[in-house]
Amino acid sequence: MYGSNYEYSIFLLQDQKDKERIMELLTEHWEYVVIAILALDKVVALSPSTWDDLLWTSVKKALYKAAGKEESK
């Protein structure tokens, strides 16, 4: 009705093969991932809202933790 199951499995990540495909995509295009993260960081820093700063800070902490890096202060 809404499409094949594969279209929605990317969001659920139930299959190990899907996880490997996403990791392969991220590692092949890591430059674009870094550019997107830095651009998002700049947009959040320039926005007047404090709530998005708090949310982005928690996301960055999770990214640092997942990468095994210490957060720079």
C-alpha atoms as a PDB file:
ATOM      1  CA  MET A   1       0.000   0.000   0.000  1.00  0.00           C
ATOM      2  CA  TYR A   2       2.664   2.548   1.003  1.00  0.00           C
ATOM      3  CA  GLY A   3       5.598   0.929  -0.778  1.00  0.00           C
ATOM      4  CA  SER A   4       7.942  -1.941  -0.266  1.00  0.00           C
ATOM      5  CA  ASN A   5       9.226  -2.925   3.155  1.00  0.00           C
ATOM      6  CA  TYR A   6      12.743  -1.914   2.136  1.00  0.00           C
ATOM      7  CA  GLU A   7      11.727   1.753   2.015  1.00  0.00           C
ATOM      8  CA  TYR A   8      10.818   1.660   5.690  1.00  0.00           C
ATOM      9  CA  SER A   9      13.539  -0.702   6.890  1.00  0.00           C
ATOM     10  CA  ILE A  10      16.116   2.076   6.572  1.00  0.00           C
ATOM     11  CA  PHE A  11      14.386   3.848   9.453  1.00  0.00           C
ATOM     12  CA  LEU A  12      13.972   0.739  11.575  1.00  0.00           C
ATOM     13  CA  LEU A  13      17.410  -0.757  10.896  1.00  0.00           C
ATOM     14  CA  GLN A  14      16.202  -4.226  11.747  1.00  0.00           C
ATOM     15  CA  ASP A  15      18.407  -6.013   9.254  1.00  0.00           C
ATOM     16  CA  GLN A  16      22.186  -6.196   9.693  1.00  0.00           C
ATOM     17  CA  LYS A  17      22.595  -5.771   5.942  1.00  0.00           C
ATOM     18  CA  ASP A  18      20.782  -2.421   6.117  1.00  0.00           C
ATOM     19  CA  LYS A  19      23.091  -1.244   8.888  1.00  0.00           C
ATOM     20  CA  GLU A  20      26.106  -2.246   6.819  1.00  0.00           C
ATOM     21  CA  ARG A  21      24.756  -0.355   3.796  1.00  0.00           C
ATOM     22  CA  ILE A  22      24.277   2.806   5.843  1.00  0.00           C
ATOM     23  CA  MET A  23      27.748   2.527   7.372  1.00  0.00           C
ATOM     24  CA  GLU A  24      29.212   1.968   3.915  1.00  0.00           C
ATOM     25  CA  LEU A  25      27.386   5.023   2.601  1.00  0.00           C
ATOM     26  CA  LEU A  26      28.597   7.168   5.507  1.00  0.00           C
ATOM     27  CA  THR A  27      32.201   6.013   5.188  1.00  0.00           C
ATOM     28  CA  GLU A  28      32.249   6.500   1.412  1.00  0.00           C
ATOM     29  CA  HIS A  29      30.899  10.048   1.748  1.00  0.00           C
ATOM     30  CA  TRP A  30      32.381  11.076   5.079  1.00  0.00           C
ATOM     31  CA  GLU A  31      33.430  14.477   3.724  1.00  0.00           C
ATOM     32  CA  TYR A  32      29.822  15.407   3.003  1.00  0.00           C
ATOM     33  CA  VAL A  33      28.744  14.120   6.413  1.00  0.00           C
ATOM     34  CA  VAL A  34      31.324  16.350   8.116  1.00  0.00           C
ATOM     35  CA  ILE A  35      30.307  19.355   6.000  1.00  0.00           C
ATOM     36  CA  ALA A  36      26.631  18.780   6.875  1.00  0.00           C
ATOM     37  CA  ILE A  37      27.402  18.500  10.598  1.00  0.00           C
ATOM     38  CA  LEU A  38      29.534  21.665  10.556  1.00  0.00           C
ATOM     39  CA  ALA A  39      26.889  23.569   8.579  1.00  0.00           C
ATOM     40  CA  LEU A  40      24.188  22.463  11.022  1.00  0.00           C
ATOM     41  CA  ASP A  41      26.409  23.513  13.912  1.00  0.00           C
ATOM     42  CA  LYS A  42      26.827  26.982  12.379  1.00  0.00           C
ATOM     43  CA  VAL A  43      23.090  27.357  11.693  1.00  0.00           C
ATOM     44  CA  VAL A  44      22.254  26.416  15.275  1.00  0.00           C
ATOM     45  CA  ALA A  45      24.906  28.787  16.627  1.00  0.00           C
ATOM     46  CA  LEU A  46      23.510  31.695  14.607  1.00  0.00           C
ATOM     47  CA  SER A  47      19.858  31.075  15.469  1.00  0.00           C
ATOM     48  CA  PRO A  48      18.330  33.210  18.230  1.00  0.00           C
ATOM     49  CA  SER A  49      16.625  30.305  20.013  1.00  0.00           C
ATOM     50  CA  THR A  50      18.297  28.698  23.019  1.00  0.00           C
ATOM     51  CA  TRP A  51      16.285  25.482  22.817  1.00  0.00           C
ATOM     52  CA  ASP A  52      17.902  24.402  19.576  1.00  0.00           C
ATOM     53  CA  ASP A  53      21.311  25.063  21.141  1.00  0.00           C
ATOM     54  CA  LEU A  54      20.466  22.742  24.012  1.00  0.00           C
ATOM     55  CA  LEU A  55      19.166  20.051  21.682  1.00  0.00           C
ATOM     56  CA  TRP A  56      22.171  20.295  19.350  1.00  0.00           C
ATOM     57  CA  THR A  57      24.569  20.145  22.310  1.00  0.00           C
ATOM     58  CA  SER A  58      23.014  16.884  23.466  1.00  0.00           C
ATOM     59  CA  VAL A  59      23.217  15.467  19.931  1.00  0.00           C
ATOM     60  CA  LYS A  60      26.881  16.508  19.669  1.00  0.00           C
ATOM     61  CA  LYS A  61      27.642  14.836  22.997  1.00  0.00           C
ATOM     62  CA  ALA A  62      26.045  11.635  21.729  1.00  0.00           C
ATOM     63  CA  LEU A  63      28.079  11.841  18.503  1.00  0.00           C
ATOM     64  CA  TYR A  64      31.304  12.353  20.447  1.00  0.00           C
ATOM     65  CA  LYS A  65      30.461   9.456  22.723  1.00  0.00           C
ATOM     66  CA  ALA A  66      29.625   7.174  19.776  1.00  0.00           C
ATOM     67  CA  ALA A  67      32.910   8.115  18.109  1.00  0.00           C
ATOM     68  CA  GLY A  68      34.831   7.407  21.303  1.00  0.00           C
ATOM     69  CA  LYS A  69      36.141  10.953  21.556  1.00  0.00           C
ATOM     70  CA  GLU A  70      36.250  13.305  24.490  1.00  0.00           C
ATOM     71  CA  GLU A  71      34.220  16.463  24.085  1.00  0.00           C
ATOM     72  CA  SER A  72      36.284  19.578  23.455  1.00  0.00           C
ATOM     73  CA  LYS A  73      35.482  22.461  25.758  1.00  0.00           C
END
